[in-house]
Amino acid sequence: MIELITIFQANQNWYLNKVFVNSNHVVTISEALDYNRLLKEGKIDLALDSSISFSKVKMNPVTGFDEFIVVGSPKVIMEKMNKNTKQLLKG
Protein backbone atom coordinates (compact mmCIF):
# COMPACT_ATOMS: atom_id res chain seq x y z
CA MET A 1 0.00 0.00 0.00
CA ILE A 2 1.17 3.49 -0.80
CA GLU A 3 -0.10 6.79 0.54
CA LEU A 4 -1.14 9.36 -2.06
CA ILE A 5 -2.59 12.86 -1.72
CA THR A 6 -5.63 13.36 -3.95
CA ILE A 7 -7.11 16.65 -5.09
CA PHE A 8 -10.74 17.24 -5.99
CA GLN A 9 -13.21 20.06 -6.40
CA ALA A 10 -16.66 20.24 -4.82
CA ASN A 11 -18.95 23.28 -5.03
CA GLN A 12 -16.23 25.65 -6.26
CA ASN A 13 -13.89 24.62 -3.39
CA TRP A 14 -10.71 22.55 -3.74
CA TYR A 15 -9.78 19.82 -1.26
CA LEU A 16 -6.80 17.57 -0.57
CA ASN A 17 -7.27 14.11 0.88
CA LYS A 18 -5.00 11.18 1.80
CA VAL A 19 -5.73 7.79 0.28
CA PHE A 20 -3.96 4.45 0.57
CA VAL A 21 -3.74 2.53 -2.69
CA ASN A 22 -2.65 -1.02 -3.39
CA SER A 23 0.03 -0.48 -6.01
CA ASN A 24 -0.87 -3.83 -7.61
CA HIS A 25 -4.20 -2.30 -8.69
CA VAL A 26 -2.70 0.71 -10.50
CA VAL A 27 -3.11 0.37 -14.27
CA THR A 28 -1.64 3.63 -15.59
CA ILE A 29 -0.10 6.87 -14.34
CA SER A 30 -0.09 9.93 -16.59
CA GLU A 31 0.26 13.69 -16.27
CA ALA A 32 -2.94 15.53 -15.34
CA LEU A 33 -2.37 18.39 -17.77
CA ASP A 34 -5.67 20.17 -17.02
CA TYR A 35 -4.90 20.30 -13.30
CA ASN A 36 -1.32 21.47 -13.94
CA ARG A 37 -2.69 24.28 -16.11
CA LEU A 38 -5.29 25.28 -13.50
CA LEU A 39 -2.61 25.50 -10.81
CA LYS A 40 -0.34 27.66 -13.00
CA GLU A 41 -3.29 29.95 -13.78
CA GLY A 42 -3.99 30.34 -10.04
CA LYS A 43 -7.42 28.72 -10.23
CA ILE A 44 -6.68 26.07 -7.60
CA ASP A 45 -6.91 28.08 -4.39
CA LEU A 46 -4.88 25.82 -2.09
CA ALA A 47 -1.61 27.32 -0.90
CA LEU A 48 0.40 25.02 -3.20
CA ASP A 49 3.74 25.86 -4.77
CA SER A 50 3.41 26.53 -8.50
CA SER A 51 6.14 23.97 -9.24
CA ILE A 52 3.92 21.11 -8.02
CA SER A 53 2.48 18.85 -10.68
CA PHE A 54 -0.45 16.46 -10.71
CA SER A 55 -0.90 12.94 -12.05
CA LYS A 56 -3.89 10.88 -13.09
CA VAL A 57 -3.76 7.41 -11.52
CA LYS A 58 -6.07 4.95 -13.27
CA MET A 59 -7.10 1.97 -11.18
CA ASN A 60 -8.16 -1.55 -12.10
CA PRO A 61 -12.00 -1.54 -12.39
CA VAL A 62 -12.19 -4.42 -9.88
CA THR A 63 -11.33 -1.94 -7.10
CA GLY A 64 -14.55 0.04 -7.58
CA PHE A 65 -12.61 3.26 -8.29
CA ASP A 66 -11.94 4.58 -11.76
CA GLU A 67 -9.17 7.11 -11.29
CA PHE A 68 -7.63 9.63 -8.90
CA ILE A 69 -5.91 12.95 -9.49
CA VAL A 70 -2.93 12.98 -7.13
CA VAL A 71 -0.24 15.44 -6.11
CA GLY A 72 3.09 14.58 -7.71
CA SER A 73 4.52 13.90 -11.12
CA PRO A 74 4.19 10.43 -12.69
CA LYS A 75 7.89 9.88 -11.97
CA VAL A 76 7.44 10.67 -8.26
CA ILE A 77 4.41 8.37 -8.01
CA MET A 78 6.33 5.55 -9.72
CA GLU A 79 9.25 6.02 -7.31
CA LYS A 80 6.82 5.76 -4.39
CA MET A 81 5.39 2.54 -5.80
CA ASN A 82 8.80 0.99 -6.45
CA LYS A 83 10.07 1.93 -3.00
CA ASN A 84 7.37 -0.22 -1.41
CA THR A 85 7.98 -3.35 -3.46
CA LYS A 86 10.04 -5.92 -1.64
CA GLN A 87 12.29 -8.25 -3.58
CA LEU A 88 14.04 -11.34 -2.35
CA LEU A 89 17.67 -11.34 -3.34
CA LYS A 90 19.20 -14.72 -4.12
CA GLY A 91 22.85 -14.99 -3.23
C-alpha atoms as a PDB file:
ATOM      1  CA  MET A   1       0.000   0.000   0.000  1.00  0.00           C
ATOM      2  CA  ILE A   2       1.173   3.493  -0.800  1.00  0.00           C
ATOM      3  CA  GLU A   3      -0.104   6.787   0.537  1.00  0.00           C
ATOM      4  CA  LEU A   4      -1.143   9.362  -2.056  1.00  0.00           C
ATOM      5  CA  ILE A   5      -2.591  12.858  -1.723  1.00  0.00           C
ATOM      6  CA  THR A   6      -5.634  13.359  -3.952  1.00  0.00           C
ATOM      7  CA  ILE A   7      -7.112  16.651  -5.091  1.00  0.00           C
ATOM      8  CA  PHE A   8     -10.745  17.240  -5.988  1.00  0.00           C
ATOM      9  CA  GLN A   9     -13.213  20.062  -6.400  1.00  0.00           C
ATOM     10  CA  ALA A  10     -16.658  20.242  -4.819  1.00  0.00           C
ATOM     11  CA  ASN A  11     -18.949  23.280  -5.034  1.00  0.00           C
ATOM     12  CA  GLN A  12     -16.227  25.649  -6.256  1.00  0.00           C
ATOM     13  CA  ASN A  13     -13.890  24.617  -3.386  1.00  0.00           C
ATOM     14  CA  TRP A  14     -10.711  22.546  -3.740  1.00  0.00           C
ATOM     15  CA  TYR A  15      -9.776  19.817  -1.261  1.00  0.00           C
ATOM     16  CA  LEU A  16      -6.803  17.567  -0.572  1.00  0.00           C
ATOM     17  CA  ASN A  17      -7.269  14.112   0.882  1.00  0.00           C
ATOM     18  CA  LYS A  18      -5.004  11.180   1.797  1.00  0.00           C
ATOM     19  CA  VAL A  19      -5.733   7.786   0.281  1.00  0.00           C
ATOM     20  CA  PHE A  20      -3.957   4.452   0.570  1.00  0.00           C
ATOM     21  CA  VAL A  21      -3.740   2.530  -2.690  1.00  0.00           C
ATOM     22  CA  ASN A  22      -2.653  -1.019  -3.391  1.00  0.00           C
ATOM     23  CA  SER A  23       0.030  -0.482  -6.012  1.00  0.00           C
ATOM     24  CA  ASN A  24      -0.869  -3.832  -7.609  1.00  0.00           C
ATOM     25  CA  HIS A  25      -4.202  -2.296  -8.685  1.00  0.00           C
ATOM     26  CA  VAL A  26      -2.695   0.710 -10.504  1.00  0.00           C
ATOM     27  CA  VAL A  27      -3.114   0.373 -14.270  1.00  0.00           C
ATOM     28  CA  THR A  28      -1.637   3.635 -15.594  1.00  0.00           C
ATOM     29  CA  ILE A  29      -0.098   6.873 -14.341  1.00  0.00           C
ATOM     30  CA  SER A  30      -0.088   9.934 -16.594  1.00  0.00           C
ATOM     31  CA  GLU A  31       0.257  13.689 -16.274  1.00  0.00           C
ATOM     32  CA  ALA A  32      -2.936  15.525 -15.344  1.00  0.00           C
ATOM     33  CA  LEU A  33      -2.368  18.390 -17.769  1.00  0.00           C
ATOM     34  CA  ASP A  34      -5.666  20.174 -17.024  1.00  0.00           C
ATOM     35  CA  TYR A  35      -4.896  20.300 -13.298  1.00  0.00           C
ATOM     36  CA  ASN A  36      -1.322  21.469 -13.937  1.00  0.00           C
ATOM     37  CA  ARG A  37      -2.689  24.280 -16.107  1.00  0.00           C
ATOM     38  CA  LEU A  38      -5.293  25.281 -13.503  1.00  0.00           C
ATOM     39  CA  LEU A  39      -2.607  25.505 -10.813  1.00  0.00           C
ATOM     40  CA  LYS A  40      -0.337  27.656 -12.999  1.00  0.00           C
ATOM     41  CA  GLU A  41      -3.295  29.953 -13.777  1.00  0.00           C
ATOM     42  CA  GLY A  42      -3.990  30.337 -10.036  1.00  0.00           C
ATOM     43  CA  LYS A  43      -7.425  28.720 -10.230  1.00  0.00           C
ATOM     44  CA  ILE A  44      -6.676  26.071  -7.595  1.00  0.00           C
ATOM     45  CA  ASP A  45      -6.905  28.078  -4.389  1.00  0.00           C
ATOM     46  CA  LEU A  46      -4.884  25.816  -2.091  1.00  0.00           C
ATOM     47  CA  ALA A  47      -1.609  27.318  -0.903  1.00  0.00           C
ATOM     48  CA  LEU A  48       0.401  25.017  -3.197  1.00  0.00           C
ATOM     49  CA  ASP A  49       3.735  25.857  -4.767  1.00  0.00           C
ATOM     50  CA  SER A  50       3.407  26.534  -8.504  1.00  0.00           C
ATOM     51  CA  SER A  51       6.135  23.966  -9.237  1.00  0.00           C
ATOM     52  CA  ILE A  52       3.922  21.106  -8.015  1.00  0.00           C
ATOM     53  CA  SER A  53       2.482  18.852 -10.677  1.00  0.00           C
ATOM     54  CA  PHE A  54      -0.451  16.464 -10.708  1.00  0.00           C
ATOM     55  CA  SER A  55      -0.898  12.941 -12.052  1.00  0.00           C
ATOM     56  CA  LYS A  56      -3.887  10.882 -13.093  1.00  0.00           C
ATOM     57  CA  VAL A  57      -3.757   7.405 -11.515  1.00  0.00           C
ATOM     58  CA  LYS A  58      -6.067   4.948 -13.267  1.00  0.00           C
ATOM     59  CA  MET A  59      -7.104   1.970 -11.176  1.00  0.00           C
ATOM     60  CA  ASN A  60      -8.163  -1.553 -12.099  1.00  0.00           C
ATOM     61  CA  PRO A  61     -12.001  -1.541 -12.394  1.00  0.00           C
ATOM     62  CA  VAL A  62     -12.190  -4.419  -9.882  1.00  0.00           C
ATOM     63  CA  THR A  63     -11.325  -1.941  -7.102  1.00  0.00           C
ATOM     64  CA  GLY A  64     -14.548   0.038  -7.575  1.00  0.00           C
ATOM     65  CA  PHE A  65     -12.606   3.255  -8.290  1.00  0.00           C
ATOM     66  CA  ASP A  66     -11.937   4.584 -11.757  1.00  0.00           C
ATOM     67  CA  GLU A  67      -9.166   7.114 -11.289  1.00  0.00           C
ATOM     68  CA  PHE A  68      -7.635   9.629  -8.901  1.00  0.00           C
ATOM     69  CA  ILE A  69      -5.908  12.949  -9.488  1.00  0.00           C
ATOM     70  CA  VAL A  70      -2.933  12.979  -7.130  1.00  0.00           C
ATOM     71  CA  VAL A  71      -0.245  15.442  -6.108  1.00  0.00           C
ATOM     72  CA  GLY A  72       3.091  14.577  -7.706  1.00  0.00           C
ATOM     73  CA  SER A  73       4.523  13.901 -11.119  1.00  0.00           C
ATOM     74  CA  PRO A  74       4.187  10.430 -12.687  1.00  0.00           C
ATOM     75  CA  LYS A  75       7.890   9.878 -11.970  1.00  0.00           C
ATOM     76  CA  VAL A  76       7.442  10.674  -8.255  1.00  0.00           C
ATOM     77  CA  ILE A  77       4.408   8.366  -8.009  1.00  0.00           C
ATOM     78  CA  MET A  78       6.332   5.547  -9.716  1.00  0.00           C
ATOM     79  CA  GLU A  79       9.245   6.020  -7.310  1.00  0.00           C
ATOM     80  CA  LYS A  80       6.819   5.758  -4.386  1.00  0.00           C
ATOM     81  CA  MET A  81       5.387   2.544  -5.803  1.00  0.00           C
ATOM     82  CA  ASN A  82       8.797   0.989  -6.450  1.00  0.00           C
ATOM     83  CA  LYS A  83      10.070   1.934  -3.004  1.00  0.00           C
ATOM     84  CA  ASN A  84       7.371  -0.219  -1.410  1.00  0.00           C
ATOM     85  CA  THR A  85       7.984  -3.348  -3.461  1.00  0.00           C
ATOM     86  CA  LYS A  86      10.037  -5.923  -1.638  1.00  0.00           C
ATOM     87  CA  GLN A  87      12.288  -8.252  -3.577  1.00  0.00           C
ATOM     88  CA  LEU A  88      14.037 -11.342  -2.347  1.00  0.00           C
ATOM     89  CA  LEU A  89      17.675 -11.337  -3.343  1.00  0.00           C
ATOM     90  CA  LYS A  90      19.204 -14.718  -4.119  1.00  0.00           C
ATOM     91  CA  GLY A  91      22.852 -14.991  -3.228  1.00  0.00           C
END
